[in-house]
Protein backbone atom coordinates (compact mmCIF):
# COMPACT_ATOMS: atom_id res chain seq x y z
CA MET A 1 32.62 21.68 53.90
CA ILE A 2 35.50 21.61 51.36
CA ARG A 3 39.11 20.80 52.30
CA ALA A 4 42.13 21.39 50.05
CA THR A 5 45.39 19.54 50.74
CA LEU A 6 48.65 20.17 48.83
CA ALA A 7 51.20 17.40 49.37
CA THR A 8 53.93 15.34 47.69
CA LEU A 9 52.79 11.72 47.59
CA PRO A 10 54.74 8.64 46.38
CA THR A 11 51.49 6.80 45.72
CA LYS A 12 48.64 6.45 43.28
CA LEU A 13 45.34 8.13 44.08
CA ALA A 14 41.64 7.53 43.91
CA HIS A 15 38.41 9.24 42.95
CA LYS A 16 35.32 9.00 45.13
CA LYS A 17 31.57 9.10 45.21
CA HIS A 18 29.50 9.29 48.41
CA THR A 19 26.08 10.52 49.55
CA GLY A 20 25.17 12.00 46.20
CA TYR A 21 28.47 13.86 45.52
CA HIS A 22 31.13 12.75 43.05
CA ASN A 23 34.73 14.01 42.90
CA LYS A 24 37.36 12.50 40.63
CA ILE A 25 41.08 12.79 41.41
CA ASN A 26 43.93 11.63 39.13
CA THR A 27 47.66 11.98 39.36
CA SER A 28 49.65 13.92 36.81
CA PHE A 29 52.03 12.05 34.56
CA ALA A 30 54.87 12.72 37.09
CA LYS A 31 52.61 11.56 40.02
CA LYS A 32 54.18 14.14 42.32
CA LEU A 33 51.96 17.19 42.89
CA LEU A 34 48.36 16.75 44.11
CA LEU A 35 45.48 19.11 44.85
CA VAL A 36 42.68 17.22 46.61
CA LEU A 37 39.20 18.72 46.96
CA VAL A 38 37.10 16.66 49.36
CA THR A 39 33.39 17.21 49.76
CA VAL A 40 32.28 16.19 53.25
CA PRO A 41 28.48 16.37 53.66
CA LEU A 42 27.02 16.32 57.19
CA LEU A 43 30.49 16.69 58.79
CA PHE A 44 30.32 18.25 62.28
CA VAL A 45 33.12 19.24 64.68
CA GLY A 46 32.13 18.92 68.35
CA THR A 47 29.40 17.02 70.11
CA ILE A 48 25.75 17.12 69.05
CA SER A 49 23.56 15.32 71.56
CA THR A 50 20.52 14.87 69.32
CA ALA A 51 22.04 13.47 66.07
CA VAL A 52 24.92 11.43 64.69
CA ALA A 53 26.19 11.43 61.10
CA ALA A 54 25.65 8.42 58.89
CA THR A 55 28.62 6.24 57.94
CA ILE A 56 30.52 7.98 55.09
CA ILE A 57 33.93 7.69 53.37
CA THR A 58 35.67 11.03 52.82
CA GLU A 59 39.09 10.02 51.42
CA VAL A 60 40.88 6.89 50.15
CA THR A 61 44.61 6.65 49.43
CA VAL A 62 46.37 3.73 47.67
CA LEU A 63 49.66 2.80 49.42
CA GLU A 64 52.64 0.48 49.11
CA ASN A 65 52.55 -0.18 45.37
CA ASN A 66 48.83 -1.04 45.16
CA THR A 67 48.82 -3.40 48.19
CA LEU A 68 47.16 -1.26 50.89
CA LEU A 69 44.30 1.26 51.20
CA ARG A 70 44.00 4.01 53.78
CA ILE A 71 40.24 4.78 54.30
CA GLU A 72 39.13 7.91 56.17
CA GLY A 73 35.60 8.99 57.04
CA GLN A 74 32.94 9.24 59.71
CA ASP A 75 31.16 6.76 62.04
CA PHE A 76 32.93 3.48 61.12
CA GLY A 77 31.99 1.86 64.45
CA SER A 78 34.29 -0.33 66.54
CA GLU A 79 34.55 -3.31 64.14
CA PRO A 80 33.80 -2.25 60.52
CA THR A 81 33.95 -4.67 57.58
CA VAL A 82 35.45 -3.62 54.23
CA SER A 83 34.90 -5.29 50.84
CA ILE A 84 35.78 -4.51 47.22
CA SER A 85 33.96 -5.48 44.02
CA ASN A 86 34.72 -8.83 42.33
CA TYR A 87 36.23 -10.28 45.56
CA ALA A 88 34.02 -12.35 47.87
CA ASP A 89 36.16 -12.14 51.04
CA THR A 90 36.24 -9.07 53.29
CA LEU A 91 39.52 -7.16 53.37
CA ILE A 92 41.93 -7.57 56.29
CA ILE A 93 42.28 -4.49 58.55
CA VAL A 94 46.00 -4.06 59.36
CA ASP A 95 45.71 -0.73 61.23
CA GLU A 96 42.50 0.12 63.09
CA ASP A 97 43.11 3.86 63.58
CA CYS A 98 45.97 4.79 61.18
CA THR A 99 48.43 5.44 64.03
CA LEU A 100 51.14 2.80 63.41
CA GLU A 101 54.48 4.41 62.59
CA THR A 102 55.21 2.45 59.42
CA SER A 103 55.85 3.25 55.79
CA PHE A 104 52.13 2.95 55.00
CA SER A 105 51.01 5.32 57.80
CA ARG A 106 52.85 8.59 57.24
CA PRO A 107 52.07 11.31 59.83
CA ARG A 108 49.55 13.79 58.41
CA ASP A 109 46.86 16.20 59.58
CA ARG A 110 43.31 15.01 58.95
CA LEU A 111 39.79 15.98 59.99
CA PRO A 112 38.29 14.44 63.16
CA GLY A 113 36.79 11.08 62.34
CA ASP A 114 37.71 7.43 61.74
CA CYS A 115 40.57 5.89 59.75
CA VAL A 116 41.57 2.30 58.92
CA VAL A 117 44.24 0.70 56.73
CA VAL A 118 43.24 -2.48 54.87
CA GLN A 119 45.21 -4.99 52.80
CA LEU A 120 44.15 -5.36 49.16
CA PRO A 121 43.58 -8.86 47.70
CA GLY A 122 46.62 -10.56 46.21
CA SER A 123 49.19 -8.85 48.48
CA PRO A 124 52.21 -8.74 48.30
CA ASN A 125 51.51 -8.61 44.54
CA PRO A 126 50.20 -5.22 43.34
CA PHE A 127 46.41 -4.90 43.01
CA PRO A 128 45.44 -4.36 39.33
CA ASP A 129 44.63 -0.86 38.02
CA GLY A 130 41.00 -0.14 37.15
CA ASP A 131 37.61 0.91 38.51
CA HIS A 132 36.34 -0.78 41.68
CA LEU A 133 33.46 -0.35 44.15
CA LEU A 134 34.64 -0.14 47.77
CA ARG A 135 32.12 -0.70 50.61
CA LEU A 136 32.58 -0.15 54.36
CA THR A 137 29.84 -1.35 56.76
CA ARG A 138 29.65 -0.27 60.39
CA ASP A 139 29.12 -3.02 62.98
CA LEU A 140 25.53 -3.11 64.26
CA SER A 141 26.37 -3.49 67.96
CA ASP A 142 25.60 0.26 68.39
CA GLY A 143 21.82 -0.49 68.21
CA SER A 144 21.58 -1.15 71.96
CA CYS A 145 21.39 0.41 75.40
CA PRO A 146 24.99 1.79 75.49
CA ASN A 147 23.83 4.53 73.12
CA GLY A 148 21.10 5.62 75.58
CA LYS A 149 17.61 4.64 76.61
CA PRO A 150 15.31 3.90 73.67
CA THR A 151 12.81 6.39 72.27
CA SER A 152 11.61 3.84 69.69
CA LEU A 153 11.81 0.05 69.28
CA GLU A 154 11.00 -1.96 66.16
CA PHE A 155 10.01 -5.65 66.39
CA LYS A 156 9.35 -8.37 63.82
CA TYR A 157 6.17 -10.30 64.65
CA THR A 158 7.02 -14.03 64.68
CA PRO A 159 4.07 -16.03 66.15
CA ASN A 160 5.40 -18.45 68.76
CA ALA A 161 5.10 -19.73 72.34
CA CYS A 162 6.13 -17.96 75.59
CA THR A 163 9.03 -20.40 75.86
CA ASN A 164 10.71 -18.83 72.80
CA MET A 165 13.07 -16.53 74.74
CA ASP A 166 16.47 -18.19 74.63
CA ASN A 167 18.02 -15.23 72.78
CA ASN A 168 17.48 -12.45 75.34
CA TRP A 169 19.40 -11.61 78.51
CA GLN A 170 16.86 -9.94 80.76
CA ASP A 171 17.46 -12.50 83.57
CA GLY A 172 13.85 -13.33 84.41
CA LYS A 173 12.66 -9.71 84.12
CA PHE A 174 11.01 -10.51 80.79
CA GLU A 175 7.49 -11.85 81.34
CA CYS A 176 5.20 -13.79 79.00
CA SER A 177 1.84 -15.40 79.69
CA GLY A 178 -1.06 -16.77 77.69
CA ASP A 179 -1.44 -18.87 74.60
CA THR A 180 0.89 -20.10 71.88
CA LEU A 181 0.17 -18.09 68.71
CA PRO A 182 0.09 -20.37 65.61
CA GLY A 183 0.14 -17.56 63.01
CA ASN A 184 -2.91 -18.86 61.14
CA ASP A 185 -4.80 -15.56 61.21
CA TYR A 186 -4.24 -11.82 61.43
CA ALA A 187 -3.18 -10.50 64.85
CA SER A 188 -3.66 -7.21 66.70
CA ILE A 189 -1.62 -5.44 69.43
CA SER A 190 -2.99 -3.30 72.29
CA LEU A 191 -1.00 -1.60 75.06
CA ILE A 192 -1.80 -2.52 78.66
CA ASN A 193 0.09 0.38 80.27
CA ASN A 194 1.14 3.88 79.11
CA ALA A 195 -1.24 3.74 76.15
CA ASP A 196 -1.37 7.57 76.08
CA LYS A 197 2.43 7.87 75.99
CA ILE A 198 3.33 5.30 73.30
CA ASP A 199 2.34 5.08 69.62
CA VAL A 200 2.03 1.56 68.11
CA THR A 201 2.25 1.26 64.31
CA PRO A 202 0.57 -0.82 63.00
CA SER A 203 -1.65 -2.19 65.74
CA GLU A 204 -3.98 -4.36 63.62
CA MET A 205 -3.95 -6.77 60.67
CA LEU A 206 -0.50 -8.16 61.57
CA TRP A 207 0.82 -11.19 59.73
CA ASP A 208 3.87 -13.35 60.29
CA SER A 209 7.13 -11.31 59.78
CA ASP A 210 5.35 -7.93 59.75
CA LEU A 211 7.25 -5.09 61.49
CA VAL A 212 5.74 -3.22 64.48
CA THR A 213 7.11 0.05 65.95
CA PHE A 214 6.62 1.19 69.56
CA ARG A 215 7.49 4.92 69.63
CA ALA A 216 7.41 7.32 72.61
CA SER A 217 4.94 10.15 72.03
CA ASP A 218 6.26 13.66 71.33
CA VAL A 219 6.93 15.94 74.32
CA PRO A 220 4.61 19.01 74.02
CA GLY A 221 6.61 22.16 73.28
CA SER A 222 9.89 20.25 72.83
CA ARG A 223 11.97 19.42 69.73
CA THR A 224 12.94 15.99 71.10
CA ARG A 225 11.12 12.76 71.88
CA SER A 226 10.76 11.36 75.37
CA LYS A 227 12.17 7.91 76.03
CA LEU A 228 10.01 4.81 76.42
CA LYS A 229 8.87 4.01 79.95
CA SER A 230 10.66 1.37 82.03
CA LYS A 231 8.32 -1.45 80.97
CA LEU A 232 6.63 -2.17 77.66
CA LYS A 233 3.52 -4.22 78.47
CA PHE A 234 1.19 -5.21 75.65
CA GLU A 235 -1.24 -7.89 74.49
CA ILE A 236 -1.19 -9.81 71.19
CA LYS A 237 -4.50 -11.32 70.03
CA GLU A 238 -4.92 -13.84 67.23
CA GLY A 239 -8.59 -14.77 66.97
CA GLU A 240 -9.57 -16.14 70.42
CA LEU A 241 -5.92 -16.63 71.49
CA THR A 242 -4.08 -14.08 73.65
CA GLN A 243 -0.40 -13.62 74.59
CA ILE A 244 0.75 -10.92 77.09
CA LEU A 245 4.39 -9.67 77.02
CA VAL A 246 6.33 -7.47 79.49
CA ILE A 247 9.73 -6.24 78.15
CA GLN A 248 12.16 -4.16 80.20
CA THR A 249 12.95 -0.96 78.23
CA SER A 250 14.73 1.17 80.89
CA CYS A 251 18.12 -0.40 79.99
CA SER A 252 18.44 -1.77 83.52
CA GLU A 253 18.49 -5.10 81.65
CA PRO A 254 20.24 -5.82 78.31
CA LEU A 255 18.31 -4.89 75.17
CA ASP A 256 19.98 -5.59 71.81
CA ILE A 257 18.97 -6.01 68.18
CA GLY A 258 18.28 -9.71 67.55
CA ASP A 259 16.86 -10.41 71.04
CA THR A 260 13.79 -12.72 70.97
CA PHE A 261 10.80 -12.17 73.25
CA ALA A 262 8.30 -15.02 72.57
CA SER A 263 6.43 -13.79 69.42
CA MET A 264 8.52 -10.62 68.97
CA GLU A 265 12.12 -10.21 67.68
CA LEU A 266 13.88 -6.84 68.20
CA THR A 267 15.01 -5.47 64.81
CA GLY A 268 15.36 -1.69 65.40
CA PHE A 269 16.53 0.58 68.24
CA VAL A 270 16.58 4.41 68.40
CA ALA A 271 18.34 5.83 71.47
CA THR A 272 17.94 9.23 73.18
CA THR A 273 21.51 10.26 72.26
CA VAL A 274 21.41 9.08 68.65
CA GLY A 275 18.29 10.29 66.87
CA GLY A 276 19.86 9.62 63.48
CA GLY A 277 17.49 6.82 62.46
CA ILE A 278 16.69 3.24 63.38
CA TYR A 279 19.64 0.81 63.50
CA THR A 280 18.75 -2.18 61.30
CA ASP A 281 20.63 -4.85 59.39
CA ASP A 282 19.86 -3.19 56.03
CA ASP A 283 19.92 0.49 57.07
CA ASP A 284 21.78 2.60 54.46
CA ASP A 285 23.09 4.87 57.28
CA THR A 286 25.36 2.01 58.43
CA SER A 287 27.09 1.45 55.08
CA ALA A 288 29.18 3.69 52.81
CA ARG A 289 30.09 3.05 49.13
CA TYR A 290 33.02 4.58 47.28
CA ASP A 291 33.86 4.43 43.55
CA LEU A 292 37.60 3.75 43.45
CA THR A 293 39.81 4.23 40.40
CA ILE A 294 43.41 2.97 40.70
CA GLY A 295 45.92 4.20 38.09
CA GLY A 296 47.19 7.50 36.68
CA VAL A 297 46.07 9.58 33.73
CA GLY A 298 47.42 8.48 30.31
CA THR A 299 49.16 10.78 27.79
CA GLN A 300 47.12 13.16 25.69
CA GLY A 301 45.93 11.48 22.49
CA GLU A 302 46.22 13.00 19.00
CA GLN A 303 43.65 15.50 17.91
CA GLY A 304 40.85 13.94 15.87
CA PRO A 305 39.90 15.04 12.32
CA GLN A 306 37.78 18.11 11.66
CA GLY A 307 34.09 17.26 11.93
CA ASP A 308 31.56 17.96 9.16
CA THR A 309 30.01 21.41 8.98
CA GLY A 310 26.73 21.49 10.81
CA ALA A 311 23.40 22.14 9.09
CA THR A 312 22.33 25.75 8.47
CA GLY A 313 20.34 27.09 11.38
CA PRO A 314 16.82 28.49 11.06
CA GLN A 315 16.27 32.06 9.77
CA GLY A 316 16.45 34.70 12.48
CA PRO A 317 13.50 36.89 13.47
CA GLN A 318 12.50 39.99 11.45
CA GLY A 319 14.51 43.06 12.42
CA ASP A 320 12.96 46.33 13.62
CA THR A 321 11.79 48.84 10.95
CA GLY A 322 14.26 51.73 10.35
CA SER A 323 13.36 55.43 10.53
CA ALA A 324 11.83 57.02 7.38
CA GLY A 325 14.08 59.10 5.04
CA ALA A 326 13.27 62.41 3.23
CA ASP A 327 10.58 62.12 0.44
CA SER A 328 10.86 64.61 -2.53
CA THR A 329 7.44 63.64 -3.92
CA VAL A 330 5.47 64.99 -0.98
CA ALA A 331 3.81 68.41 -1.69
CA GLY A 332 4.89 71.41 0.35
CA PRO A 333 2.56 73.41 2.61
CA GLN A 334 -0.34 75.56 1.12
CA GLY A 335 0.65 79.18 0.41
CA ALA A 336 -1.24 82.25 1.74
CA THR A 337 -4.28 83.74 -0.27
CA GLY A 338 -3.38 86.74 -2.47
CA SER A 339 -5.15 90.21 -2.38
CA GLN A 340 -8.24 90.98 -4.66
CA GLY A 341 -7.45 92.39 -8.17
CA PRO A 342 -8.89 95.71 -9.68
CA GLN A 343 -12.42 96.10 -11.33
CA GLY A 344 -12.42 95.03 -15.02
CA ASP A 345 -13.76 97.22 -18.01
CA ALA A 346 -17.52 97.14 -19.00
CA GLY A 347 -18.40 94.76 -21.85
CA PRO A 348 -20.18 95.74 -25.24
CA ALA A 349 -24.02 96.18 -25.42
CA GLY A 350 -26.18 93.17 -26.33
CA ALA A 351 -28.56 92.61 -29.38
CA ASP A 352 -31.94 94.51 -29.71
CA SER A 353 -34.49 92.90 -27.40
CA THR A 354 -37.65 94.33 -29.17
CA VAL A 355 -37.58 91.88 -32.11
CA ALA A 356 -39.59 88.64 -31.46
CA GLY A 357 -37.68 85.53 -31.81
CA PRO A 358 -38.85 82.26 -33.55
CA GLU A 359 -41.58 80.04 -31.86
CA GLY A 360 -40.24 77.58 -29.45
CA PRO A 361 -40.96 73.78 -29.42
CA GLN A 362 -44.06 72.16 -27.74
CA GLY A 363 -43.77 72.21 -23.98
CA PRO A 364 -44.19 69.09 -21.81
CA ALA A 365 -47.65 67.90 -20.60
CA GLY A 366 -49.00 69.62 -17.49
CA LEU A 367 -49.54 67.99 -14.10
CA GLN A 368 -52.61 65.75 -13.29
CA GLY A 369 -55.60 67.84 -12.26
CA ASP A 370 -57.57 67.34 -9.03
CA ALA A 371 -60.22 64.54 -8.91
CA GLY A 372 -63.82 65.58 -9.61
CA PRO A 373 -66.63 65.23 -7.02
CA SER A 374 -68.17 61.75 -6.28
CA GLY A 375 -71.28 60.67 -8.27
CA PRO A 376 -74.55 59.52 -6.62
CA GLN A 377 -74.70 55.99 -4.93
CA GLY A 378 -75.83 53.18 -7.21
CA LEU A 379 -78.59 50.59 -6.52
CA GLN A 380 -78.11 47.64 -4.05
CA GLY A 381 -76.62 44.66 -5.85
CA ASN A 382 -77.64 40.97 -5.39
CA THR A 383 -76.15 38.96 -2.41
CA GLY A 384 -73.07 37.00 -3.44
CA ALA A 385 -72.43 33.30 -2.85
CA THR A 386 -71.29 32.11 0.63
CA GLY A 387 -67.50 32.05 0.94
CA PRO A 388 -65.42 29.14 2.42
CA GLN A 389 -65.21 28.69 6.20
CA GLY A 390 -62.53 30.77 7.84
CA LEU A 391 -59.58 29.46 9.91
CA GLN A 392 -60.00 28.34 13.52
CA GLY A 393 -59.77 31.30 15.86
CA ASP A 394 -57.49 31.52 18.92
CA ALA A 395 -58.67 29.72 22.07
CA GLY A 396 -60.55 31.87 24.52
CA PRO A 397 -59.27 32.62 28.05
CA GLU A 398 -59.36 29.84 30.67
CA GLY A 399 -62.57 29.69 32.66
CA PRO A 400 -62.80 29.84 36.45
CA GLN A 401 -61.84 26.72 38.49
CA GLY A 402 -64.68 24.27 39.11
CA PRO A 403 -65.79 23.05 42.55
CA GLN A 404 -63.78 20.39 44.51
CA GLY A 405 -64.66 16.85 43.40
CA GLU A 406 -65.41 13.95 45.72
CA ILE A 407 -62.47 11.95 47.28
CA GLY A 408 -61.73 8.79 45.31
CA PRO A 409 -61.45 5.27 46.81
CA GLU A 410 -58.22 4.26 48.66
CA GLY A 411 -55.57 2.57 46.46
CA PRO A 412 -53.78 -0.77 47.20
CA ALA A 413 -50.90 -0.84 49.77
CA GLY A 414 -47.39 -0.28 48.29
CA SER A 415 -44.28 -2.50 48.81
CA GLY A 416 -41.86 -1.88 51.77
CA GLY A 417 -39.13 0.84 51.26
CA LEU A 418 -35.44 0.71 52.18
CA GLY A 419 -36.04 1.86 55.77
CA ASN A 420 -33.47 3.73 57.89
CA ILE A 421 -30.00 4.19 56.26
CA GLN A 422 -26.85 5.30 58.12
CA VAL A 423 -23.22 5.83 56.95
CA VAL A 424 -20.41 5.00 59.41
CA THR A 425 -16.65 5.55 58.93
CA ALA A 426 -13.28 4.67 60.51
CA ALA A 427 -9.60 5.44 59.72
CA SER A 428 -6.24 3.74 60.21
CA ALA A 429 -3.24 5.32 61.94
CA SER A 430 -1.40 7.98 59.91
CA ASP A 431 2.39 7.60 59.45
CA SER A 432 5.06 7.35 56.75
CA ILE A 433 6.67 3.97 57.49
CA THR A 434 3.84 1.39 57.39
CA PRO A 435 3.52 0.02 53.82
CA ILE A 436 0.01 -1.47 54.28
CA LYS A 437 -2.78 0.24 56.21
CA VAL A 438 -6.17 -1.41 56.92
CA ALA A 439 -9.31 0.33 58.21
CA GLU A 440 -12.48 -1.58 59.27
CA VAL A 441 -15.88 -0.40 60.53
CA LEU A 442 -19.01 -2.27 61.73
CA CYS A 443 -22.66 -1.17 61.32
CA PRO A 444 -24.62 -0.25 64.49
CA PHE A 445 -26.72 -2.97 66.16
CA GLY A 446 -29.79 -3.88 64.15
CA MET A 447 -28.27 -2.77 60.82
CA VAL A 448 -26.42 -4.53 57.98
CA ALA A 449 -23.92 -3.22 55.41
CA ILE A 450 -25.39 -2.85 51.91
CA GLY A 451 -22.38 -1.01 50.46
CA GLY A 452 -19.19 0.84 51.31
CA GLY A 453 -15.96 2.31 50.06
CA GLY A 454 -12.49 3.55 51.00
CA ALA A 455 -10.11 6.47 50.48
CA VAL A 456 -6.44 7.40 51.04
CA GLY A 457 -5.55 10.55 52.98
CA ILE A 458 -2.07 12.04 52.31
CA THR A 459 -0.46 14.88 54.30
CA GLY A 460 1.04 17.35 51.81
CA SER A 461 1.84 16.73 48.14
CA THR A 462 3.60 13.58 46.97
CA ASN A 463 4.45 11.42 43.99
CA GLU A 464 4.09 8.25 46.00
CA ASP A 465 2.36 5.22 44.50
CA ILE A 466 -0.47 4.69 47.04
CA GLY A 467 -3.82 3.06 46.26
CA ILE A 468 -6.75 1.03 47.57
CA ASP A 469 -6.18 -2.66 46.76
CA VAL A 470 -8.67 -4.48 49.08
CA LEU A 471 -12.33 -3.41 49.55
CA GLY A 472 -15.40 -5.39 50.64
CA PRO A 473 -17.84 -6.53 53.35
CA ILE A 474 -16.76 -8.41 56.49
CA ASP A 475 -18.51 -10.42 59.20
CA ALA A 476 -16.48 -8.93 62.08
CA ILE A 477 -13.43 -6.76 62.83
CA GLY A 478 -10.46 -8.81 61.63
CA GLY A 479 -12.92 -11.25 60.07
CA THR A 480 -13.01 -12.87 56.64
CA LEU A 481 -13.47 -10.59 53.63
CA GLY A 482 -16.81 -11.28 51.89
CA ALA A 483 -18.04 -13.67 54.61
CA GLY A 484 -20.85 -11.45 55.94
CA ASN A 485 -22.45 -8.02 55.97
CA ALA A 486 -21.69 -6.80 59.50
CA GLY A 487 -19.34 -4.03 58.25
CA TRP A 488 -16.77 -2.99 55.63
CA ARG A 489 -12.97 -3.19 55.15
CA ALA A 490 -10.58 -1.00 53.09
CA GLN A 491 -6.85 -1.70 52.62
CA ALA A 492 -4.28 0.54 50.88
CA THR A 493 -0.63 -0.12 49.93
CA ASN A 494 2.34 2.32 49.58
CA PHE A 495 5.05 0.92 47.27
CA PHE A 496 7.56 3.61 48.35
CA VAL A 497 7.85 3.11 52.10
CA ASP A 498 9.12 5.65 54.66
CA SER A 499 9.63 8.64 52.37
CA GLY A 500 8.59 11.12 55.06
CA VAL A 501 5.00 11.61 53.86
CA ASN A 502 2.30 10.63 56.38
CA TRP A 503 -0.78 8.87 54.99
CA SER A 504 -3.77 6.84 56.20
CA THR A 505 -6.67 4.66 54.97
CA THR A 506 -10.35 5.60 55.59
CA VAL A 507 -13.28 3.16 55.20
CA PHE A 508 -17.04 3.84 55.17
CA ALA A 509 -20.04 1.49 55.27
CA ILE A 510 -23.63 2.17 54.14
CA CYS A 511 -25.82 0.50 56.80
CA LEU A 512 -29.54 -0.43 56.46
CA SER A 513 -31.87 -1.02 59.39
CA THR A 514 -33.29 -4.55 59.56
CA GLN A 515 -36.04 -3.64 62.04
């Protein structure tokens, strides 16, 4: 959406940059007439129950001789914080909704949204002209039950005891039983109830401070997700130790980002009425940046000197051949054959033919005559000497096959072969947000792993940097790499997390029978 506003302002103006768009606005030398073009991406009028826009800044105005800023935009939250580059302290908000009838809050029409007025550093002295980076961050209290029941919860795994629950307000409804988890080994998570209605990612190979997401499964035939059930009951296993947690997720009890539930700390919350992304402390949707330039445009400088003539360009392509002109050297067409002329007069008589002429020269020799008949056969001559032996002749055709020979004696026994070989495989969960995925597989009973491998499966095309970085034999699921030959492990890492491309890790083991 683009909005144009024509107004007379007694103030300096700003240029902005937000969500990939950049518009620059400067005053004229008289600083009186202004045409503002504001690009507002993802700006909706009305109520949309399945999404909410990210925090954005749409317009900033400098007021009161460079001492105040009016900031307008979307989704600032109830208690936003505002900061500006090169100043450590946050700016003081002097008007929370731009409604005070003062000199710095002139009545004006503006798009639906949020508006605050903040005091610039150094007030009442004017803030210096120049380029500055303005940042507004929404308060994170929205990541909680008031926005609706959760469809997805994100926790940070922090191994601890069941007594670690001072920072939650579920009034005895939260339950924890089992062992204290020391965090000395990888852990796994398995659901105790509603396992077919909730997706857990990841559920294995968890280490201290890893993030785990519990997400309600998709509703068949619907474009929305169902909410989580009233209780989230799951088991955490670290080696032989077990801890069972029951967390209330129906919003009948408080549920806020930062709450601690034994070995789990709530770090993300997606509600049924939000759907715009997980609320987290470092989520870009909760913060807006704005490139701010304070100061007018200077006078036009003098024209610079004429530049040097550029180098001659390359020769152009050969032009088309023109049409041929008239050619005077070409012969005309052949004329028609004329009619036959009249019979000529008879010529004079020749010399007398009765007088013999002189003898002519010797003629050439005649042709060879035919051969005469053969003479009688002569007497038998003496036998000549024996000549040298001739060359070896070609081999004759192969003779018929001979009779079957007798069976030979039995040879010595050979060494044992490899025996029965079987290939088994397994795959990790497929999603776009887990940076490390591990897949493990064990050989059937009575077999050992003699080799194996791994592969990465990606849904669709991508430029992501994903690759196998751990591969080798294991002694058990979740066991030590290289400690045995009971199975095989493959681990892959994605260095560009949560880009919307689902991927998974597949492992296979080559198993040999030991029986």
